[in-house]
Amino acid sequence: MTTEKIKQVHKENYGVYGARKVYAALNRAGHRVARCTVERLMRRTGLHGVRRAKGPRTTVPGPLSERPADLVRRQFTAPAPNCLWVADI
């Protein structure tokens, strides 16, 4: 009975509601159920809300052969103005 109500609420909201919102909608409708029960039943039936976060995206360096030569040997200080120019593309 509870699983059918969870599926109905999830379907009525275009499949974007997660366990927290399904739990709130069921309680507003008068069907008292615990949030952990909603989470467990949704997991069991394969229902989930929209997942917006994609996770961190980090830079993956390419092969060493494609990098330009290090002409300043990682020393970015110059003895005088206009002696060393460094740019990042």
N, C-alpha and C. Protein backbone atom coordinates (compact mmCIF):
# COMPACT_ATOMS: atom_id res chain seq x y z
N MET A 1 0.82 -1.19 0.00
CA MET A 1 0.00 0.00 0.00
C MET A 1 0.87 1.26 0.00
N THR A 2 1.86 1.31 0.87
CA THR A 2 2.72 2.49 0.94
C THR A 2 3.55 2.65 -0.33
N THR A 3 4.01 1.53 -0.87
CA THR A 3 4.81 1.60 -2.09
C THR A 3 4.01 2.18 -3.25
N GLU A 4 2.75 1.81 -3.34
CA GLU A 4 1.91 2.36 -4.41
C GLU A 4 1.72 3.86 -4.25
N LYS A 5 1.55 4.32 -3.01
CA LYS A 5 1.39 5.75 -2.77
C LYS A 5 2.68 6.51 -3.11
N ILE A 6 3.81 5.91 -2.77
CA ILE A 6 5.10 6.54 -3.09
C ILE A 6 5.26 6.64 -4.61
N LYS A 7 4.95 5.57 -5.31
CA LYS A 7 5.05 5.59 -6.78
C LYS A 7 4.11 6.63 -7.37
N GLN A 8 2.91 6.75 -6.81
CA GLN A 8 1.93 7.71 -7.31
C GLN A 8 2.43 9.15 -7.11
N VAL A 9 2.92 9.47 -5.91
CA VAL A 9 3.43 10.82 -5.64
C VAL A 9 4.62 11.12 -6.54
N HIS A 10 5.50 10.15 -6.70
CA HIS A 10 6.69 10.33 -7.54
C HIS A 10 6.29 10.58 -8.99
N LYS A 11 5.32 9.82 -9.48
CA LYS A 11 4.85 9.97 -10.87
C LYS A 11 4.13 11.30 -11.08
N GLU A 12 3.30 11.70 -10.10
CA GLU A 12 2.57 12.96 -10.22
C GLU A 12 3.49 14.17 -10.28
N ASN A 13 4.67 14.04 -9.73
CA ASN A 13 5.64 15.13 -9.73
C ASN A 13 6.74 14.91 -10.76
N TYR A 14 6.38 14.24 -11.86
CA TYR A 14 7.24 14.06 -13.02
C TYR A 14 8.54 13.33 -12.72
N GLY A 15 8.57 12.56 -11.65
CA GLY A 15 9.75 11.76 -11.32
C GLY A 15 10.93 12.55 -10.81
N VAL A 16 10.70 13.78 -10.38
CA VAL A 16 11.82 14.60 -9.91
C VAL A 16 11.92 14.64 -8.38
N TYR A 17 10.90 14.20 -7.68
CA TYR A 17 10.92 14.24 -6.22
C TYR A 17 11.81 13.14 -5.67
N GLY A 18 12.63 13.51 -4.72
CA GLY A 18 13.42 12.54 -3.98
C GLY A 18 12.67 12.10 -2.74
N ALA A 19 13.35 11.35 -1.88
CA ALA A 19 12.71 10.78 -0.70
C ALA A 19 12.20 11.86 0.24
N ARG A 20 12.95 12.95 0.39
CA ARG A 20 12.55 14.00 1.33
C ARG A 20 11.25 14.66 0.90
N LYS A 21 11.11 14.96 -0.37
CA LYS A 21 9.89 15.62 -0.84
C LYS A 21 8.72 14.66 -0.94
N VAL A 22 8.98 13.41 -1.28
CA VAL A 22 7.91 12.41 -1.30
C VAL A 22 7.39 12.22 0.12
N TYR A 23 8.30 12.16 1.08
CA TYR A 23 7.91 12.04 2.49
C TYR A 23 7.03 13.22 2.91
N ALA A 24 7.42 14.43 2.55
CA ALA A 24 6.64 15.61 2.91
C ALA A 24 5.27 15.59 2.24
N ALA A 25 5.21 15.20 0.97
CA ALA A 25 3.94 15.16 0.25
C ALA A 25 2.99 14.12 0.86
N LEU A 26 3.53 12.97 1.23
CA LEU A 26 2.69 11.94 1.85
C LEU A 26 2.14 12.40 3.19
N ASN A 27 2.97 13.06 3.99
CA ASN A 27 2.51 13.53 5.29
C ASN A 27 1.49 14.65 5.14
N ARG A 28 1.66 15.52 4.14
CA ARG A 28 0.66 16.57 3.88
C ARG A 28 -0.68 15.96 3.49
N ALA A 29 -0.62 14.85 2.75
CA ALA A 29 -1.84 14.19 2.30
C ALA A 29 -2.50 13.37 3.41
N GLY A 30 -1.86 13.29 4.57
CA GLY A 30 -2.45 12.57 5.68
C GLY A 30 -1.99 11.14 5.82
N HIS A 31 -1.07 10.69 4.98
CA HIS A 31 -0.54 9.33 5.07
C HIS A 31 0.75 9.39 5.89
N ARG A 32 0.65 9.09 7.18
CA ARG A 32 1.79 9.19 8.09
C ARG A 32 2.76 8.04 7.84
N VAL A 33 3.98 8.40 7.51
CA VAL A 33 5.02 7.41 7.25
C VAL A 33 6.37 8.05 7.62
N ALA A 34 7.30 7.25 8.06
CA ALA A 34 8.63 7.76 8.43
C ALA A 34 9.47 8.01 7.18
N ARG A 35 10.37 9.00 7.27
CA ARG A 35 11.22 9.33 6.14
C ARG A 35 12.15 8.17 5.78
N CYS A 36 12.65 7.47 6.80
CA CYS A 36 13.55 6.35 6.52
C CYS A 36 12.81 5.23 5.78
N THR A 37 11.52 5.09 6.05
CA THR A 37 10.71 4.09 5.35
C THR A 37 10.54 4.48 3.89
N VAL A 38 10.31 5.77 3.65
CA VAL A 38 10.18 6.26 2.27
C VAL A 38 11.50 6.04 1.53
N GLU A 39 12.61 6.36 2.18
CA GLU A 39 13.93 6.17 1.55
C GLU A 39 14.16 4.71 1.19
N ARG A 40 13.86 3.82 2.14
CA ARG A 40 14.07 2.39 1.91
C ARG A 40 13.20 1.86 0.79
N LEU A 41 11.93 2.24 0.78
CA LEU A 41 11.01 1.74 -0.25
C LEU A 41 11.35 2.32 -1.62
N MET A 42 11.77 3.59 -1.65
CA MET A 42 12.15 4.17 -2.94
C MET A 42 13.41 3.49 -3.48
N ARG A 43 14.35 3.20 -2.60
CA ARG A 43 15.57 2.51 -3.02
C ARG A 43 15.24 1.12 -3.54
N ARG A 44 14.32 0.44 -2.85
CA ARG A 44 13.95 -0.93 -3.24
C ARG A 44 13.26 -0.95 -4.61
N THR A 45 12.43 0.06 -4.89
CA THR A 45 11.71 0.09 -6.17
C THR A 45 12.49 0.79 -7.28
N GLY A 46 13.65 1.34 -6.94
CA GLY A 46 14.49 1.97 -7.97
C GLY A 46 14.10 3.41 -8.28
N LEU A 47 13.31 4.03 -7.42
CA LEU A 47 12.92 5.42 -7.63
C LEU A 47 13.94 6.35 -6.99
N HIS A 48 14.21 7.47 -7.66
CA HIS A 48 15.08 8.49 -7.08
C HIS A 48 14.72 9.82 -7.69
N GLY A 49 15.12 10.88 -7.02
CA GLY A 49 14.85 12.22 -7.52
C GLY A 49 15.90 12.64 -8.53
N VAL A 50 15.77 13.86 -9.00
CA VAL A 50 16.73 14.39 -9.95
C VAL A 50 18.04 14.61 -9.23
N ARG A 51 19.13 14.20 -9.85
CA ARG A 51 20.46 14.41 -9.28
C ARG A 51 21.11 15.53 -10.05
N ARG A 52 21.25 16.66 -9.39
CA ARG A 52 21.76 17.85 -10.06
C ARG A 52 23.28 17.97 -9.99
N ALA A 53 23.87 17.58 -8.90
CA ALA A 53 25.31 17.75 -8.74
C ALA A 53 26.06 16.76 -9.61
N LYS A 54 27.03 17.24 -10.33
CA LYS A 54 27.83 16.39 -11.20
C LYS A 54 29.13 15.98 -10.53
N GLY A 55 29.45 16.57 -9.40
CA GLY A 55 30.70 16.24 -8.72
C GLY A 55 31.82 17.15 -9.19
N PRO A 56 32.92 17.11 -8.48
CA PRO A 56 34.03 17.99 -8.85
C PRO A 56 34.68 17.54 -10.16
N ARG A 57 35.04 18.50 -10.96
CA ARG A 57 35.73 18.22 -12.21
C ARG A 57 37.14 18.79 -12.09
N THR A 58 38.12 17.93 -12.18
CA THR A 58 39.50 18.36 -12.04
C THR A 58 40.21 18.31 -13.37
N THR A 59 41.31 19.00 -13.45
CA THR A 59 42.09 19.02 -14.68
C THR A 59 42.91 17.74 -14.78
N VAL A 60 42.86 17.12 -15.92
CA VAL A 60 43.65 15.93 -16.17
C VAL A 60 44.78 16.32 -17.12
N PRO A 61 46.03 16.27 -16.68
CA PRO A 61 47.13 16.68 -17.56
C PRO A 61 47.32 15.71 -18.71
N GLY A 62 47.72 16.26 -19.83
CA GLY A 62 47.98 15.45 -21.00
C GLY A 62 49.36 14.80 -20.91
N PRO A 63 49.76 14.11 -21.95
CA PRO A 63 51.09 13.49 -21.95
C PRO A 63 52.19 14.56 -21.84
N LEU A 64 53.33 14.16 -21.30
CA LEU A 64 54.44 15.10 -21.10
C LEU A 64 55.00 15.63 -22.41
N SER A 65 54.87 14.89 -23.48
CA SER A 65 55.46 15.31 -24.76
C SER A 65 54.76 16.53 -25.36
N GLU A 66 53.51 16.81 -24.96
CA GLU A 66 52.77 17.92 -25.54
C GLU A 66 53.03 19.25 -24.85
N ARG A 67 53.73 19.26 -23.72
CA ARG A 67 53.95 20.48 -22.97
C ARG A 67 55.12 21.27 -23.54
N PRO A 68 55.00 22.61 -23.57
CA PRO A 68 56.12 23.41 -24.06
C PRO A 68 57.28 23.41 -23.05
N ALA A 69 58.44 23.77 -23.52
CA ALA A 69 59.63 23.77 -22.68
C ALA A 69 59.52 24.84 -21.59
N ASP A 70 60.10 24.56 -20.44
CA ASP A 70 60.10 25.51 -19.32
C ASP A 70 61.32 26.41 -19.47
N LEU A 71 61.14 27.55 -20.10
CA LEU A 71 62.27 28.43 -20.41
C LEU A 71 62.77 29.22 -19.20
N VAL A 72 61.97 29.38 -18.17
CA VAL A 72 62.40 30.15 -17.00
C VAL A 72 62.77 29.24 -15.84
N ARG A 73 62.74 27.93 -16.04
CA ARG A 73 63.08 26.93 -15.04
C ARG A 73 62.35 27.17 -13.71
N ARG A 74 61.06 27.50 -13.80
CA ARG A 74 60.17 27.67 -12.65
C ARG A 74 60.60 28.79 -11.72
N GLN A 75 61.42 29.72 -12.18
CA GLN A 75 61.82 30.89 -11.39
C GLN A 75 61.13 32.10 -11.99
N PHE A 76 60.11 32.60 -11.28
CA PHE A 76 59.28 33.65 -11.83
C PHE A 76 59.65 35.04 -11.31
N THR A 77 60.83 35.20 -10.79
CA THR A 77 61.28 36.53 -10.35
C THR A 77 62.32 37.03 -11.33
N ALA A 78 62.30 38.32 -11.63
CA ALA A 78 63.23 38.92 -12.57
C ALA A 78 64.15 39.88 -11.83
N PRO A 79 65.38 40.01 -12.28
CA PRO A 79 66.31 40.92 -11.62
C PRO A 79 65.97 42.40 -11.83
N ALA A 80 65.27 42.69 -12.92
CA ALA A 80 64.90 44.07 -13.23
C ALA A 80 63.64 44.06 -14.08
N PRO A 81 62.96 45.21 -14.22
CA PRO A 81 61.76 45.25 -15.07
C PRO A 81 62.08 44.91 -16.53
N ASN A 82 61.14 44.27 -17.21
CA ASN A 82 61.23 43.90 -18.62
C ASN A 82 62.31 42.88 -18.91
N CYS A 83 62.77 42.14 -17.93
CA CYS A 83 63.77 41.09 -18.18
C CYS A 83 63.12 39.72 -18.39
N LEU A 84 61.97 39.53 -17.76
CA LEU A 84 61.29 38.23 -17.83
C LEU A 84 59.81 38.45 -17.98
N TRP A 85 59.22 37.87 -19.01
CA TRP A 85 57.79 37.95 -19.22
C TRP A 85 57.23 36.53 -19.13
N VAL A 86 56.18 36.38 -18.34
CA VAL A 86 55.57 35.06 -18.16
C VAL A 86 54.08 35.21 -18.49
N ALA A 87 53.53 34.27 -19.25
CA ALA A 87 52.11 34.30 -19.61
C ALA A 87 51.52 32.91 -19.47
N ASP A 88 50.24 32.87 -19.24
CA ASP A 88 49.52 31.61 -19.12
C ASP A 88 48.39 31.64 -20.15
N ILE A 89 48.35 30.63 -20.97
CA ILE A 89 47.34 30.57 -22.03
C ILE A 89 46.28 29.58 -21.65
